[in-house]
Amino acid sequence: FNSDASSDGEHNTLKHAYGKDGMSPHDFGKAWALSGCYHESVDRVKERERNCDEELLTRLCSVTHAAPDLVDCLRDKEIGKRYQTECLNNLCLCDDIDSCMYTETLRISNECYDRIGKKIANDNLRTYLDNGAIQSHLPRDHHEVPTEEMAPDNLESNHGEPYSYRDFVAAGSCYAYGHNHIQTFDGVTYQTDAHGCSYPLALRTGIQDFAIYGTFEAEQPSGELASHLVYVSFFDIKNKVRVQLGQGLEVNYEGRSVPLPYSREFVSIWHNDAENQIYIYDHDVGVEVRWDGESVVRIRVDQRYHGKTKGLCGTFNSNDKDEINLLKNTRLTPSTYQIMVQEWKLPSCGFNADLYRDPASCAVSRSPTSSSASA
């Protein structure tokens, strides 16, 4: 593709020979990711404007972070400031404030466990937010697409982790959470602007050993403005094993629902009752996946993959300046994470560009320099 930044650094122009307004559907998706356009009702636009009330969101983030179980996780002032900044951005993009506040507590809880080893029960966080004093002050959400909740199935078991898991030493962790956000192996956080498609979260360079794909759910039938991660697919390419994780802690091994704990020669799957999380551990390829059954996944890999990963989780080489990557090295590097994400979506993904507004009619939401990498 051709991408040209204007002299003021606030526009990113895409030039194409065909498709709607001179663009192919594939490249229209990239233009949309940069445009800030939303194909939604007036009520929905007003809801987004309300959600970005900084004073309101500051109070809501403070209430969220005041959960008693999170006290030890927020003692470091610098970490607390980072969480506050990220929380404001996440809630601004949110359509269901209560759900996103809960996701925020889960994100902090997950990172807290990795950082200081403190385990926090998800039920305790949910109970805190369900307090009437908090719920009565939440703004009313605008619901456009109803969602279906699925209860856990076949999960009444002990943890069931294999002995080999106790020897697993994670060298890098990547998270996908909330409204299509990614924290890479090298610690860079960005918003993907993913469509309702599947994308490779992490894989080994050359598509060897393993690949992990995430499927995002679109808020509207057109496929635009994906709201959050809904499915995670783990592939042990070396041993030809496939595990899929869905909503409500649904687990499929080679296309069939299985009771937990479940183990095969290389792969073990179990439900951690204390955390209410699903774990996959493949000791042969040195990869662990943890899924909360809603929208948060953690991917951990061992040291053998240092400098050998690609996908939305980045390059895992201790360099946070080169996280933008493609399957194959090219002369031109995408100028933003959002364009990179569109380049990574699976070819089978499709959305109806005719249902979208022309991105040229919208104000540009982010400049190419805001989260970019050099070619």
Protein backbone atom coordinates (compact mmCIF):
# COMPACT_ATOMS: atom_id res chain seq x y z
CA PHE A 1 0.00 0.00 0.00
CA ASN A 2 0.99 3.64 -0.32
CA SER A 3 0.73 5.79 2.77
CA ASP A 4 1.62 9.48 2.75
CA ALA A 5 1.69 11.65 5.84
CA SER A 6 0.81 15.28 5.25
CA SER A 7 3.21 18.02 6.31
CA ASP A 8 1.27 18.75 9.49
CA GLY A 9 1.42 15.10 10.58
CA GLU A 10 -2.34 14.89 11.08
CA HIS A 11 -3.47 12.98 7.99
CA ASN A 12 -2.65 9.64 6.50
CA THR A 13 -3.75 9.30 2.87
CA LEU A 14 -4.25 5.94 1.20
CA LYS A 15 -4.16 5.79 -2.62
CA HIS A 16 -5.85 2.97 -4.49
CA ALA A 17 -7.15 2.27 -7.95
CA TYR A 18 -10.53 0.65 -7.30
CA GLY A 19 -13.34 0.03 -4.83
CA LYS A 20 -15.58 2.49 -3.05
CA ASP A 21 -14.29 6.00 -3.69
CA GLY A 22 -11.19 4.53 -5.32
CA MET A 23 -10.39 2.04 -2.53
CA SER A 24 -10.47 -1.74 -2.32
CA PRO A 25 -12.48 -3.11 0.64
CA HIS A 26 -9.22 -4.25 2.27
CA ASP A 27 -7.67 -0.80 2.14
CA PHE A 28 -10.95 0.88 3.00
CA GLY A 29 -10.66 -0.95 6.34
CA LYS A 30 -7.26 0.63 6.91
CA ALA A 31 -8.56 4.08 6.01
CA TRP A 32 -11.46 3.60 8.40
CA ALA A 33 -9.09 2.69 11.22
CA LEU A 34 -7.45 6.11 10.85
CA SER A 35 -10.55 8.20 10.23
CA GLY A 36 -12.45 8.20 13.51
CA CYS A 37 -15.71 7.51 11.61
CA TYR A 38 -18.55 5.62 13.22
CA HIS A 39 -21.55 4.31 11.31
CA GLU A 40 -24.03 4.65 14.12
CA SER A 41 -27.17 6.43 15.24
CA VAL A 42 -27.29 9.96 16.65
CA ASP A 43 -28.07 8.49 20.08
CA ARG A 44 -24.97 6.31 19.85
CA VAL A 45 -22.77 9.29 18.92
CA LYS A 46 -24.16 11.25 21.87
CA GLU A 47 -23.45 8.28 24.12
CA ARG A 48 -19.81 8.28 23.03
CA GLU A 49 -19.55 12.01 23.67
CA ARG A 50 -20.97 11.42 27.15
CA ASN A 51 -18.52 8.59 27.72
CA CYS A 52 -15.61 10.92 27.07
CA ASP A 53 -16.57 13.31 29.89
CA GLU A 54 -13.15 13.38 31.57
CA GLU A 55 -14.46 14.55 34.94
CA LEU A 56 -17.03 11.76 35.05
CA LEU A 57 -14.56 9.12 33.89
CA THR A 58 -11.94 10.22 36.43
CA ARG A 59 -14.45 9.58 39.23
CA LEU A 60 -15.47 6.23 37.76
CA CYS A 61 -11.86 5.11 37.41
CA SER A 62 -11.16 6.14 41.01
CA VAL A 63 -14.16 4.08 42.18
CA THR A 64 -12.98 1.13 40.05
CA HIS A 65 -9.45 1.23 41.46
CA ALA A 66 -10.78 1.52 45.03
CA ALA A 67 -11.83 -2.14 45.06
CA PRO A 68 -10.45 -3.44 48.41
CA ASP A 69 -8.74 -6.44 46.81
CA LEU A 70 -6.75 -4.15 44.49
CA VAL A 71 -5.03 -2.16 47.26
CA ASP A 72 -1.77 -4.12 47.12
CA CYS A 73 -1.76 -3.95 43.31
CA LEU A 74 -1.81 -0.13 43.31
CA ARG A 75 0.69 0.73 46.03
CA ASP A 76 3.29 1.78 43.45
CA LYS A 77 2.37 5.39 42.57
CA GLU A 78 3.79 5.24 39.04
CA ILE A 79 1.84 2.09 38.26
CA GLY A 80 -1.27 3.72 39.74
CA LYS A 81 -0.87 6.74 37.46
CA ARG A 82 -0.49 4.48 34.43
CA TYR A 83 -3.63 2.54 35.30
CA GLN A 84 -5.56 5.80 35.76
CA THR A 85 -4.51 7.08 32.33
CA GLU A 86 -5.31 3.78 30.62
CA CYS A 87 -8.64 3.52 32.46
CA LEU A 88 -9.74 6.95 31.22
CA ASN A 89 -8.99 5.93 27.64
CA ASN A 90 -10.71 2.55 27.97
CA LEU A 91 -13.91 3.95 29.47
CA CYS A 92 -14.04 6.70 26.87
CA LEU A 93 -14.29 4.03 24.18
CA CYS A 94 -16.83 2.01 26.15
CA ASP A 95 -20.54 1.50 25.53
CA ASP A 96 -21.33 -0.47 28.69
CA ILE A 97 -19.70 1.36 31.61
CA ASP A 98 -20.40 -1.33 34.20
CA SER A 99 -18.91 -4.06 32.01
CA CYS A 100 -15.83 -1.98 31.22
CA MET A 101 -15.25 -1.09 34.86
CA TYR A 102 -15.30 -4.82 35.61
CA THR A 103 -12.89 -5.47 32.73
CA GLU A 104 -10.61 -2.81 34.19
CA THR A 105 -10.51 -4.60 37.56
CA LEU A 106 -9.77 -7.90 35.78
CA ARG A 107 -6.92 -6.31 33.85
CA ILE A 108 -5.31 -4.98 37.03
CA SER A 109 -5.92 -8.30 38.81
CA ASN A 110 -4.28 -10.27 35.98
CA GLU A 111 -1.21 -8.05 35.90
CA CYS A 112 -1.04 -7.98 39.70
CA TYR A 113 -0.86 -11.76 39.81
CA ASP A 114 2.00 -11.71 37.31
CA ARG A 115 3.82 -8.86 39.05
CA ILE A 116 3.55 -9.68 42.78
CA GLY A 117 1.85 -13.09 42.81
CA LYS A 118 -1.37 -11.92 44.45
CA LYS A 119 -4.47 -13.90 43.44
CA ILE A 120 -7.81 -12.07 43.42
CA ALA A 121 -11.11 -13.87 42.93
CA ASN A 122 -13.14 -12.44 40.04
CA ASP A 123 -16.32 -12.85 42.11
CA ASN A 124 -14.97 -10.46 44.75
CA LEU A 125 -14.38 -7.77 42.12
CA ARG A 126 -17.82 -8.28 40.61
CA THR A 127 -19.46 -8.15 44.06
CA TYR A 128 -17.70 -4.86 44.83
CA LEU A 129 -18.96 -3.23 41.63
CA ASP A 130 -22.49 -4.59 42.18
CA ASN A 131 -22.76 -2.55 45.38
CA GLY A 132 -25.92 -0.43 45.17
CA ALA A 133 -24.05 2.75 46.07
CA ILE A 134 -21.90 2.31 42.94
CA GLN A 135 -24.57 1.04 40.56
CA SER A 136 -26.96 3.88 41.39
CA HIS A 137 -24.42 6.46 40.19
CA LEU A 138 -23.48 4.81 36.90
CA PRO A 139 -24.71 6.60 33.76
CA ARG A 140 -27.33 4.78 31.73
CA ASP A 141 -25.82 2.84 28.82
CA HIS A 142 -27.07 2.89 25.24
CA HIS A 143 -27.56 -0.72 24.11
CA GLU A 144 -27.82 -1.31 20.39
CA VAL A 145 -26.98 -5.00 20.03
CA PRO A 146 -28.16 -7.43 22.75
CA THR A 147 -25.57 -9.93 23.96
CA GLU A 148 -26.08 -13.50 25.07
CA GLU A 149 -24.46 -14.85 28.21
CA MET A 150 -23.35 -18.47 28.40
CA ALA A 151 -22.79 -20.21 31.71
CA PRO A 152 -19.71 -22.34 32.35
CA ASP A 153 -20.11 -25.99 31.39
CA ASN A 154 -18.25 -29.11 32.55
CA LEU A 155 -15.96 -27.08 34.79
CA GLU A 156 -16.57 -28.54 38.25
CA SER A 157 -13.11 -29.94 38.83
CA ASN A 158 -9.86 -29.35 40.62
CA HIS A 159 -7.27 -27.30 38.83
CA GLY A 160 -5.69 -30.29 37.09
CA GLU A 161 -2.51 -28.56 35.96
CA PRO A 162 0.25 -31.02 34.99
CA TYR A 163 3.46 -31.38 37.00
CA SER A 164 5.42 -30.09 34.00
CA TYR A 165 3.61 -26.74 34.33
CA ARG A 166 5.37 -26.10 37.63
CA ASP A 167 8.67 -25.99 35.75
CA PHE A 168 7.38 -23.53 33.14
CA VAL A 169 9.33 -20.26 33.20
CA ALA A 170 7.59 -17.51 31.24
CA ALA A 171 9.93 -15.10 29.49
CA GLY A 172 7.26 -12.84 27.99
CA SER A 173 3.56 -12.04 28.48
CA CYS A 174 1.04 -10.47 26.10
CA TYR A 175 -2.51 -9.40 26.93
CA ALA A 176 -5.61 -8.70 24.82
CA TYR A 177 -8.36 -7.06 26.85
CA GLY A 178 -11.30 -4.68 26.95
CA HIS A 179 -12.33 -2.83 23.82
CA ASN A 180 -9.76 -4.38 21.45
CA HIS A 181 -6.64 -3.36 23.37
CA ILE A 182 -3.30 -5.16 23.22
CA GLN A 183 -0.31 -5.10 25.55
CA THR A 184 2.60 -6.64 23.65
CA PHE A 185 5.34 -8.95 24.90
CA ASP A 186 7.61 -5.90 25.10
CA GLY A 187 5.11 -3.83 27.11
CA VAL A 188 3.60 -1.55 24.44
CA THR A 189 -0.14 -0.88 24.84
CA TYR A 190 -2.30 0.12 21.88
CA GLN A 191 -5.87 0.04 20.58
CA THR A 192 -6.28 -2.29 17.60
CA ASP A 193 -9.42 -0.83 15.94
CA ALA A 194 -10.06 -4.39 14.80
CA HIS A 195 -13.11 -5.29 12.72
CA GLY A 196 -15.33 -8.29 13.48
CA CYS A 197 -12.63 -10.64 12.18
CA SER A 198 -9.94 -13.08 13.27
CA TYR A 199 -6.34 -11.96 13.69
CA PRO A 200 -3.11 -13.71 14.72
CA LEU A 201 -2.29 -12.55 18.24
CA ALA A 202 1.03 -14.36 18.39
CA LEU A 203 2.91 -16.88 16.27
CA ARG A 204 6.47 -17.95 15.76
CA THR A 205 8.29 -16.39 12.82
CA GLY A 206 7.89 -18.62 9.80
CA ILE A 207 4.61 -20.01 11.24
CA GLN A 208 6.36 -22.75 13.17
CA ASP A 209 5.65 -24.43 16.51
CA PHE A 210 2.54 -22.46 17.50
CA ALA A 211 -0.01 -19.83 16.47
CA ILE A 212 -2.71 -18.12 18.56
CA TYR A 213 -5.61 -16.34 16.87
CA GLY A 214 -8.18 -14.01 18.39
CA THR A 215 -11.67 -13.46 17.01
CA PHE A 216 -13.30 -10.10 17.72
CA GLU A 217 -17.06 -9.51 17.82
CA ALA A 218 -18.45 -6.58 15.86
CA GLU A 219 -20.97 -4.30 17.48
CA GLN A 220 -22.90 -4.02 14.22
CA PRO A 221 -23.66 -6.42 11.33
CA SER A 222 -21.51 -4.33 9.00
CA GLY A 223 -18.44 -5.62 10.84
CA GLU A 224 -17.16 -2.25 11.92
CA LEU A 225 -16.01 -1.16 15.37
CA ALA A 226 -15.25 -4.53 16.96
CA SER A 227 -16.02 -4.30 20.65
CA HIS A 228 -14.00 -7.06 22.25
CA LEU A 229 -12.33 -10.42 21.95
CA VAL A 230 -14.81 -13.33 22.02
CA TYR A 231 -12.86 -16.43 20.90
CA VAL A 232 -9.26 -17.58 21.19
CA SER A 233 -7.81 -20.38 19.06
CA PHE A 234 -4.55 -22.11 20.00
CA PHE A 235 -2.71 -24.17 17.40
CA ASP A 236 0.21 -26.45 18.23
CA ILE A 237 1.53 -26.54 14.67
CA LYS A 238 4.38 -28.86 15.55
CA ASN A 239 2.10 -31.61 16.88
CA LYS A 240 -1.05 -30.69 14.92
CA VAL A 241 -3.28 -29.89 17.89
CA ARG A 242 -6.09 -27.31 18.01
CA VAL A 243 -7.86 -25.89 21.08
CA GLN A 244 -10.58 -23.23 20.94
CA LEU A 245 -11.80 -21.12 23.87
CA GLY A 246 -15.14 -19.32 23.73
CA GLN A 247 -17.56 -17.28 25.78
CA GLY A 248 -18.71 -18.66 29.11
CA LEU A 249 -15.48 -20.66 29.45
CA GLU A 250 -16.43 -22.93 26.57
CA VAL A 251 -13.59 -25.30 25.60
CA ASN A 252 -13.22 -27.31 22.39
CA TYR A 253 -10.38 -29.74 21.68
CA GLU A 254 -10.12 -30.70 18.01
CA GLY A 255 -13.64 -29.42 17.41
CA ARG A 256 -15.31 -31.26 20.30
CA SER A 257 -16.42 -30.01 23.71
CA VAL A 258 -14.38 -31.65 26.46
CA PRO A 259 -14.71 -31.91 30.28
CA LEU A 260 -11.92 -30.42 32.36
CA PRO A 261 -9.22 -31.11 33.35
CA TYR A 262 -8.27 -32.57 29.98
CA SER A 263 -4.81 -33.77 28.95
CA ARG A 264 -3.18 -35.26 25.91
CA GLU A 265 0.46 -36.05 25.20
CA PHE A 266 1.61 -32.44 24.82
CA VAL A 267 -1.36 -30.27 25.81
CA SER A 268 -3.11 -29.85 29.16
CA ILE A 269 -6.28 -27.80 29.73
CA TRP A 270 -7.76 -27.03 33.13
CA HIS A 271 -10.05 -24.65 34.98
CA ASN A 272 -8.52 -22.77 37.89
CA ASP A 273 -11.45 -22.61 40.30
CA ALA A 274 -9.93 -19.88 42.47
CA GLU A 275 -9.35 -17.55 39.52
CA ASN A 276 -12.28 -18.77 37.37
CA GLN A 277 -9.91 -18.90 34.40
CA ILE A 278 -9.16 -21.50 31.74
CA TYR A 279 -5.52 -22.48 31.21
CA ILE A 280 -3.90 -24.18 28.23
CA TYR A 281 -0.31 -25.32 28.64
CA ASP A 282 1.68 -26.99 25.88
CA HIS A 283 4.94 -28.20 27.39
CA ASP A 284 6.40 -29.27 24.06
CA VAL A 285 6.21 -25.83 22.43
CA GLY A 286 6.56 -23.84 25.69
CA VAL A 287 3.37 -21.76 25.49
CA GLU A 288 0.65 -20.99 28.02
CA VAL A 289 -2.74 -19.35 27.34
CA ARG A 290 -5.04 -18.04 30.09
CA TRP A 291 -8.62 -17.01 29.21
CA ASP A 292 -11.26 -15.45 31.47
CA GLY A 293 -14.21 -16.49 29.29
CA GLU A 294 -15.18 -12.89 28.56
CA SER A 295 -12.63 -10.67 26.84
CA VAL A 296 -9.21 -11.00 28.51
CA VAL A 297 -6.51 -13.39 27.33
CA ARG A 298 -2.93 -13.68 28.52
CA ILE A 299 -0.33 -15.40 26.36
CA ARG A 300 3.00 -16.43 27.88
CA VAL A 301 5.96 -17.94 26.05
CA ASP A 302 9.31 -19.25 27.19
CA GLN A 303 12.77 -17.93 26.32
CA ARG A 304 13.14 -19.91 23.08
CA TYR A 305 10.86 -17.39 21.34
CA HIS A 306 12.85 -14.28 22.19
CA GLY A 307 13.16 -12.32 18.95
CA LYS A 308 11.09 -14.92 17.09
CA THR A 309 7.44 -13.84 17.36
CA LYS A 310 5.10 -11.92 15.08
CA GLY A 311 1.47 -10.84 15.19
CA LEU A 312 -0.50 -8.33 17.21
CA CYS A 313 1.51 -9.21 20.35
CA GLY A 314 4.67 -7.84 18.75
CA THR A 315 8.20 -9.03 18.19
CA PHE A 316 9.30 -10.02 21.73
CA ASN A 317 12.88 -8.81 21.44
CA SER A 318 13.10 -6.39 24.41
CA ASN A 319 12.75 -3.47 21.99
CA ASP A 320 9.50 -1.53 22.28
CA LYS A 321 10.28 0.57 19.18
CA ASP A 322 9.74 -2.13 16.56
CA GLU A 323 6.46 -3.73 17.61
CA ILE A 324 4.79 -2.96 14.26
CA ASN A 325 5.38 -6.05 12.16
CA LEU A 326 4.01 -8.06 9.24
CA LEU A 327 4.14 -11.73 8.30
CA LYS A 328 6.85 -11.03 5.74
CA ASN A 329 9.42 -8.25 5.82
CA THR A 330 8.52 -5.48 3.38
CA ARG A 331 10.20 -2.33 2.19
CA LEU A 332 7.45 -0.20 3.74
CA THR A 333 6.36 -0.62 7.36
CA PRO A 334 2.79 0.33 8.36
CA SER A 335 2.78 3.79 9.89
CA THR A 336 0.41 2.93 12.76
CA TYR A 337 -0.62 -0.07 14.81
CA GLN A 338 -4.13 0.23 13.39
CA ILE A 339 -2.92 -0.22 9.79
CA MET A 340 -0.73 -3.13 10.91
CA VAL A 341 -3.77 -4.83 12.44
CA GLN A 342 -5.72 -4.50 9.20
CA GLU A 343 -2.82 -6.08 7.30
CA TRP A 344 -2.90 -9.04 9.68
CA LYS A 345 -6.61 -9.91 9.43
CA LEU A 346 -7.34 -13.29 7.89
CA PRO A 347 -8.22 -13.33 4.16
CA SER A 348 -11.56 -14.99 4.96
CA CYS A 349 -12.66 -11.89 6.88
CA GLY A 350 -15.23 -9.75 5.13
CA PHE A 351 -17.29 -6.70 5.92
CA ASN A 352 -19.64 -4.55 3.86
CA ALA A 353 -17.82 -1.29 3.09
CA ASP A 354 -21.01 0.12 1.55
CA LEU A 355 -22.51 0.36 5.03
CA TYR A 356 -19.67 2.62 6.19
CA ARG A 357 -19.41 6.34 5.73
CA ASP A 358 -16.63 7.71 3.56
CA PRO A 359 -13.69 8.16 5.95
CA ALA A 360 -12.74 11.32 4.07
CA SER A 361 -15.83 12.98 5.59
CA CYS A 362 -14.68 12.42 9.16
CA ALA A 363 -12.18 14.15 11.39
CA VAL A 364 -8.92 12.25 11.68
CA SER A 365 -8.75 10.64 15.10
CA ARG A 366 -5.05 9.91 15.33
CA SER A 367 -1.98 11.04 13.50
CA PRO A 368 0.50 8.56 12.03
CA THR A 369 3.07 9.73 14.56
CA SER A 370 0.91 9.02 17.61
CA SER A 371 1.74 5.33 17.78
CA SER A 372 4.00 4.58 14.89
CA ALA A 373 7.22 2.83 14.08
CA SER A 374 9.85 3.82 11.61
CA ALA A 375 10.21 1.94 8.35
